[in-house]
Amino acid sequence: MRLKELREDRDIRQKELAEYLHIRQNTYSQYETEQRQLPIDVLVALAKFYQTSTDYLLELTNNPLPYGRSAKAPHIKSHAKQK
């Protein structure tokens, strides 16, 4: 995960991020060191904080730009038989 890298690049202390997330500093530290699994709500909050995508935080992409939002959800064609 890129949590430590992003935090240090911005000169932010773990305690400051922990306060932003309403968690204890040692809990945040465990997220950074991957000793504790990152809950989805915390992952989303961090992506918003860093203005990036969750995929970037999780190292699933090297593109730091957040994904754009579309006005409406894509249509999924159903393959179920119509009665």
C-alpha atoms as a PDB file:
ATOM      1  CA  MET A   1       0.000   0.000   0.000  1.00  0.00           C
ATOM      2  CA  ARG A   2       1.068   3.546  -0.600  1.00  0.00           C
ATOM      3  CA  LEU A   3      -0.168   5.040   2.678  1.00  0.00           C
ATOM      4  CA  LYS A   4       3.218   5.756   4.227  1.00  0.00           C
ATOM      5  CA  GLU A   5       4.677   7.114   0.994  1.00  0.00           C
ATOM      6  CA  LEU A   6       1.779   9.537   0.470  1.00  0.00           C
ATOM      7  CA  ARG A   7       1.780  10.675   4.089  1.00  0.00           C
ATOM      8  CA  GLU A   8       5.524  11.294   4.202  1.00  0.00           C
ATOM      9  CA  ASP A   9       5.526  13.080   0.821  1.00  0.00           C
ATOM     10  CA  ARG A  10       3.095  15.586   2.337  1.00  0.00           C
ATOM     11  CA  ASP A  11       4.913  15.887   5.690  1.00  0.00           C
ATOM     12  CA  ILE A  12       1.877  14.641   7.613  1.00  0.00           C
ATOM     13  CA  ARG A  13       2.240  12.804  10.919  1.00  0.00           C
ATOM     14  CA  GLN A  14       0.386   9.574  11.628  1.00  0.00           C
ATOM     15  CA  LYS A  15      -1.301  11.268  14.569  1.00  0.00           C
ATOM     16  CA  GLU A  16      -2.759  13.970  12.304  1.00  0.00           C
ATOM     17  CA  LEU A  17      -4.222  11.407   9.903  1.00  0.00           C
ATOM     18  CA  ALA A  18      -5.527   9.324  12.783  1.00  0.00           C
ATOM     19  CA  GLU A  19      -7.341  12.386  14.154  1.00  0.00           C
ATOM     20  CA  TYR A  20      -8.793  13.105  10.690  1.00  0.00           C
ATOM     21  CA  LEU A  21     -10.049   9.500  10.501  1.00  0.00           C
ATOM     22  CA  HIS A  22     -11.261   9.477  14.143  1.00  0.00           C
ATOM     23  CA  ILE A  23      -9.058   6.528  15.058  1.00  0.00           C
ATOM     24  CA  ARG A  24      -6.063   5.994  17.339  1.00  0.00           C
ATOM     25  CA  GLN A  25      -2.555   6.636  16.054  1.00  0.00           C
ATOM     26  CA  ASN A  26      -1.449   3.049  16.683  1.00  0.00           C
ATOM     27  CA  THR A  27      -4.418   1.783  14.647  1.00  0.00           C
ATOM     28  CA  TYR A  28      -3.371   3.982  11.737  1.00  0.00           C
ATOM     29  CA  SER A  29       0.211   2.773  12.101  1.00  0.00           C
ATOM     30  CA  GLN A  30      -1.016  -0.813  11.794  1.00  0.00           C
ATOM     31  CA  TYR A  31      -2.810   0.095   8.553  1.00  0.00           C
ATOM     32  CA  GLU A  32       0.427   1.520   7.129  1.00  0.00           C
ATOM     33  CA  THR A  33       2.447  -1.553   8.061  1.00  0.00           C
ATOM     34  CA  GLU A  34      -0.378  -3.859   6.903  1.00  0.00           C
ATOM     35  CA  GLN A  35      -0.589  -5.469  10.355  1.00  0.00           C
ATOM     36  CA  ARG A  36      -4.287  -4.622  10.320  1.00  0.00           C
ATOM     37  CA  GLN A  37      -6.681  -4.806   7.397  1.00  0.00           C
ATOM     38  CA  LEU A  38      -7.845  -1.427   6.156  1.00  0.00           C
ATOM     39  CA  PRO A  39     -11.663  -1.076   6.407  1.00  0.00           C
ATOM     40  CA  ILE A  40     -13.380   0.101   3.232  1.00  0.00           C
ATOM     41  CA  ASP A  41     -14.701   3.289   4.834  1.00  0.00           C
ATOM     42  CA  VAL A  42     -11.175   4.263   5.909  1.00  0.00           C
ATOM     43  CA  LEU A  43      -9.808   3.403   2.455  1.00  0.00           C
ATOM     44  CA  VAL A  44     -12.405   5.647   0.806  1.00  0.00           C
ATOM     45  CA  ALA A  45     -11.742   8.457   3.295  1.00  0.00           C
ATOM     46  CA  LEU A  46      -8.009   8.278   2.573  1.00  0.00           C
ATOM     47  CA  ALA A  47      -8.590   8.302  -1.189  1.00  0.00           C
ATOM     48  CA  LYS A  48     -10.691  11.446  -0.787  1.00  0.00           C
ATOM     49  CA  PHE A  49      -8.115  13.009   1.530  1.00  0.00           C
ATOM     50  CA  TYR A  50      -5.272  12.386  -0.932  1.00  0.00           C
ATOM     51  CA  GLN A  51      -7.523  13.115  -3.937  1.00  0.00           C
ATOM     52  CA  THR A  52      -6.658   9.822  -5.586  1.00  0.00           C
ATOM     53  CA  SER A  53      -8.323   6.497  -6.291  1.00  0.00           C
ATOM     54  CA  THR A  54      -8.574   3.543  -3.947  1.00  0.00           C
ATOM     55  CA  ASP A  55      -6.855   1.502  -6.668  1.00  0.00           C
ATOM     56  CA  TYR A  56      -3.835   3.809  -6.449  1.00  0.00           C
ATOM     57  CA  LEU A  57      -3.702   3.462  -2.661  1.00  0.00           C
ATOM     58  CA  LEU A  58      -3.844  -0.323  -3.025  1.00  0.00           C
ATOM     59  CA  GLU A  59      -1.170  -0.300  -5.776  1.00  0.00           C
ATOM     60  CA  LEU A  60      -3.545  -1.718  -8.380  1.00  0.00           C
ATOM     61  CA  THR A  61      -2.637   1.155 -10.710  1.00  0.00           C
ATOM     62  CA  ASN A  62       0.238   3.588 -11.033  1.00  0.00           C
ATOM     63  CA  ASN A  63      -2.080   6.403 -12.121  1.00  0.00           C
ATOM     64  CA  PRO A  64      -2.573   8.703  -9.105  1.00  0.00           C
ATOM     65  CA  LEU A  65      -5.494  10.580 -10.658  1.00  0.00           C
ATOM     66  CA  PRO A  66      -8.918   9.802  -9.203  1.00  0.00           C
ATOM     67  CA  TYR A  67     -11.508   8.241 -11.445  1.00  0.00           C
ATOM     68  CA  GLY A  68     -14.074  10.571 -12.970  1.00  0.00           C
ATOM     69  CA  ARG A  69     -17.708  10.180 -12.060  1.00  0.00           C
ATOM     70  CA  SER A  70     -20.283   9.613 -14.740  1.00  0.00           C
ATOM     71  CA  ALA A  71     -23.687  11.248 -14.548  1.00  0.00           C
ATOM     72  CA  LYS A  72     -25.506   7.941 -14.739  1.00  0.00           C
ATOM     73  CA  ALA A  73     -24.632   4.330 -14.157  1.00  0.00           C
ATOM     74  CA  PRO A  74     -23.847   2.222 -17.208  1.00  0.00           C
ATOM     75  CA  HIS A  75     -26.655   0.072 -18.516  1.00  0.00           C
ATOM     76  CA  ILE A  76     -26.162  -3.642 -18.042  1.00  0.00           C
ATOM     77  CA  LYS A  77     -28.049  -5.822 -20.462  1.00  0.00           C
ATOM     78  CA  SER A  78     -29.812  -8.716 -18.806  1.00  0.00           C
ATOM     79  CA  HIS A  79     -29.426 -12.140 -20.351  1.00  0.00           C
ATOM     80  CA  ALA A  80     -32.358 -13.539 -18.380  1.00  0.00           C
ATOM     81  CA  LYS A  81     -35.162 -14.974 -20.454  1.00  0.00           C
ATOM     82  CA  GLN A  82     -38.195 -12.749 -20.696  1.00  0.00           C
ATOM     83  CA  LYS A  83     -41.567 -14.320 -19.867  1.00  0.00           C
END
